[in-house]
């Protein structure tokens, strides 16, 4: 991955910490809605880091494979993914 490795790693460490917290919440029989909210927060972080990874792939790997001719099309795909994710 040639994108922002530091940001992606930081987000994944945060998600890992949240997962540990969720497991503890379940073990402690915490309120279901609180657990669900933490699960959704973790999912949001994973979606964000996945978006960063995909954007890095498009910006570097795909762009290198397409050359200059594909630059405009790659930008269009990146915009659609940004909206989708």
C-alpha atoms as a PDB file:
ATOM      1  CA  UNK A   1       0.000   0.000   0.000  1.00  0.00           C
ATOM      2  CA  UNK A   2       1.506   3.279  -1.043  1.00  0.00           C
ATOM      3  CA  UNK A   3      -1.148   5.526   0.482  1.00  0.00           C
ATOM      4  CA  UNK A   4      -1.064   7.018   3.938  1.00  0.00           C
ATOM      5  CA  UNK A   5       0.164   3.988   5.866  1.00  0.00           C
ATOM      6  CA  UNK A   6       0.372   5.893   9.129  1.00  0.00           C
ATOM      7  CA  UNK A   7      -3.277   6.959   8.981  1.00  0.00           C
ATOM      8  CA  UNK A   8      -4.481   3.484   7.990  1.00  0.00           C
ATOM      9  CA  UNK A   9      -2.474   1.801  10.747  1.00  0.00           C
ATOM     10  CA  UNK A  10      -3.716   4.320  13.329  1.00  0.00           C
ATOM     11  CA  UNK A  11      -7.331   3.734  12.338  1.00  0.00           C
ATOM     12  CA  UNK A  12      -6.883  -0.038  12.462  1.00  0.00           C
ATOM     13  CA  UNK A  13      -5.302   0.166  15.922  1.00  0.00           C
ATOM     14  CA  UNK A  14      -8.271   2.250  17.050  1.00  0.00           C
ATOM     15  CA  UNK A  15     -10.683  -0.348  15.648  1.00  0.00           C
ATOM     16  CA  UNK A  16      -8.734  -3.118  17.380  1.00  0.00           C
ATOM     17  CA  UNK A  17      -9.032  -1.225  20.669  1.00  0.00           C
ATOM     18  CA  UNK A  18     -12.749  -0.807  20.118  1.00  0.00           C
ATOM     19  CA  UNK A  19     -13.108  -4.524  19.394  1.00  0.00           C
ATOM     20  CA  UNK A  20     -11.358  -5.334  22.669  1.00  0.00           C
ATOM     21  CA  UNK A  21     -13.746  -2.952  24.410  1.00  0.00           C
ATOM     22  CA  UNK A  22     -16.758  -4.555  22.752  1.00  0.00           C
ATOM     23  CA  UNK A  23     -15.649  -8.009  23.857  1.00  0.00           C
ATOM     24  CA  UNK A  24     -15.298  -6.722  27.426  1.00  0.00           C
ATOM     25  CA  UNK A  25     -18.743  -5.107  27.217  1.00  0.00           C
ATOM     26  CA  UNK A  26     -20.235  -8.450  26.175  1.00  0.00           C
ATOM     27  CA  UNK A  27     -18.390 -10.296  28.932  1.00  0.00           C
ATOM     28  CA  UNK A  28     -19.637  -7.710  31.448  1.00  0.00           C
ATOM     29  CA  UNK A  29     -23.242  -8.102  30.223  1.00  0.00           C
ATOM     30  CA  UNK A  30     -23.512  -4.443  29.273  1.00  0.00           C
ATOM     31  CA  UNK A  31     -26.663  -2.951  27.752  1.00  0.00           C
ATOM     32  CA  UNK A  32     -27.270  -4.326  24.247  1.00  0.00           C
ATOM     33  CA  UNK A  33     -27.815  -0.923  22.641  1.00  0.00           C
ATOM     34  CA  UNK A  34     -24.501   0.328  24.044  1.00  0.00           C
ATOM     35  CA  UNK A  35     -22.760  -2.709  22.561  1.00  0.00           C
ATOM     36  CA  UNK A  36     -24.501  -2.183  19.236  1.00  0.00           C
ATOM     37  CA  UNK A  37     -23.448   1.475  19.157  1.00  0.00           C
ATOM     38  CA  UNK A  38     -19.825   0.484  19.721  1.00  0.00           C
ATOM     39  CA  UNK A  39     -20.040  -2.135  16.978  1.00  0.00           C
ATOM     40  CA  UNK A  40     -21.362   0.498  14.551  1.00  0.00           C
ATOM     41  CA  UNK A  41     -18.568   2.884  15.543  1.00  0.00           C
ATOM     42  CA  UNK A  42     -16.018   0.167  14.830  1.00  0.00           C
ATOM     43  CA  UNK A  43     -17.651  -0.581  11.475  1.00  0.00           C
ATOM     44  CA  UNK A  44     -17.439   3.108  10.573  1.00  0.00           C
ATOM     45  CA  UNK A  45     -13.716   3.141  11.274  1.00  0.00           C
ATOM     46  CA  UNK A  46     -13.183   0.010   9.181  1.00  0.00           C
ATOM     47  CA  UNK A  47     -15.204   1.523   6.329  1.00  0.00           C
ATOM     48  CA  UNK A  48     -13.080   4.672   6.500  1.00  0.00           C
ATOM     49  CA  UNK A  49      -9.786   2.796   6.379  1.00  0.00           C
ATOM     50  CA  UNK A  50     -11.104   0.584   3.566  1.00  0.00           C
ATOM     51  CA  UNK A  51     -11.972   3.727   1.613  1.00  0.00           C
ATOM     52  CA  UNK A  52      -8.429   5.028   2.132  1.00  0.00           C
ATOM     53  CA  UNK A  53      -6.934   1.717   0.971  1.00  0.00           C
ATOM     54  CA  UNK A  54      -9.130   1.632  -2.144  1.00  0.00           C
ATOM     55  CA  UNK A  55      -8.360   5.258  -2.977  1.00  0.00           C
ATOM     56  CA  UNK A  56      -4.639   4.550  -2.620  1.00  0.00           C
ATOM     57  CA  UNK A  57      -4.999   1.548  -4.906  1.00  0.00           C
ATOM     58  CA  UNK A  58      -6.815   3.569  -7.541  1.00  0.00           C
ATOM     59  CA  UNK A  59      -4.449   6.517  -7.252  1.00  0.00           C
ATOM     60  CA  UNK A  60      -1.300   4.452  -7.511  1.00  0.00           C
ATOM     61  CA  UNK A  61      -1.697   0.861  -8.717  1.00  0.00           C
ATOM     62  CA  UNK A  62      -4.505   1.422 -11.215  1.00  0.00           C
ATOM     63  CA  UNK A  63      -3.118   4.762 -12.366  1.00  0.00           C
ATOM     64  CA  UNK A  64       0.292   3.202 -13.037  1.00  0.00           C
ATOM     65  CA  UNK A  65      -1.344   0.407 -15.017  1.00  0.00           C
ATOM     66  CA  UNK A  66      -3.473   2.809 -17.087  1.00  0.00           C
ATOM     67  CA  UNK A  67      -0.903   5.478 -17.747  1.00  0.00           C
ATOM     68  CA  UNK A  68      -1.846   9.041 -18.567  1.00  0.00           C
ATOM     69  CA  UNK A  69      -4.789   8.075 -20.791  1.00  0.00           C
ATOM     70  CA  UNK A  70      -6.722   6.608 -17.895  1.00  0.00           C
ATOM     71  CA  UNK A  71      -6.176   9.536 -15.526  1.00  0.00           C
ATOM     72  CA  UNK A  72      -9.596  11.106 -16.126  1.00  0.00           C
ATOM     73  CA  UNK A  73     -11.438   7.794 -15.840  1.00  0.00           C
ATOM     74  CA  UNK A  74      -9.590   6.889 -12.646  1.00  0.00           C
ATOM     75  CA  UNK A  75     -10.603  10.251 -11.167  1.00  0.00           C
ATOM     76  CA  UNK A  76     -14.234   9.529 -12.073  1.00  0.00           C
ATOM     77  CA  UNK A  77     -14.111   6.109 -10.407  1.00  0.00           C
ATOM     78  CA  UNK A  78     -12.530   7.636  -7.294  1.00  0.00           C
ATOM     79  CA  UNK A  79     -15.368  10.175  -7.063  1.00  0.00           C
ATOM     80  CA  UNK A  80     -17.998   7.458  -7.340  1.00  0.00           C
ATOM     81  CA  UNK A  81     -16.293   5.343  -4.677  1.00  0.00           C
ATOM     82  CA  UNK A  82     -16.055   8.376  -2.427  1.00  0.00           C
ATOM     83  CA  UNK A  83     -19.812   8.840  -2.637  1.00  0.00           C
ATOM     84  CA  UNK A  84     -20.525   5.126  -2.327  1.00  0.00           C
ATOM     85  CA  UNK A  85     -18.321   4.468   0.662  1.00  0.00           C
END
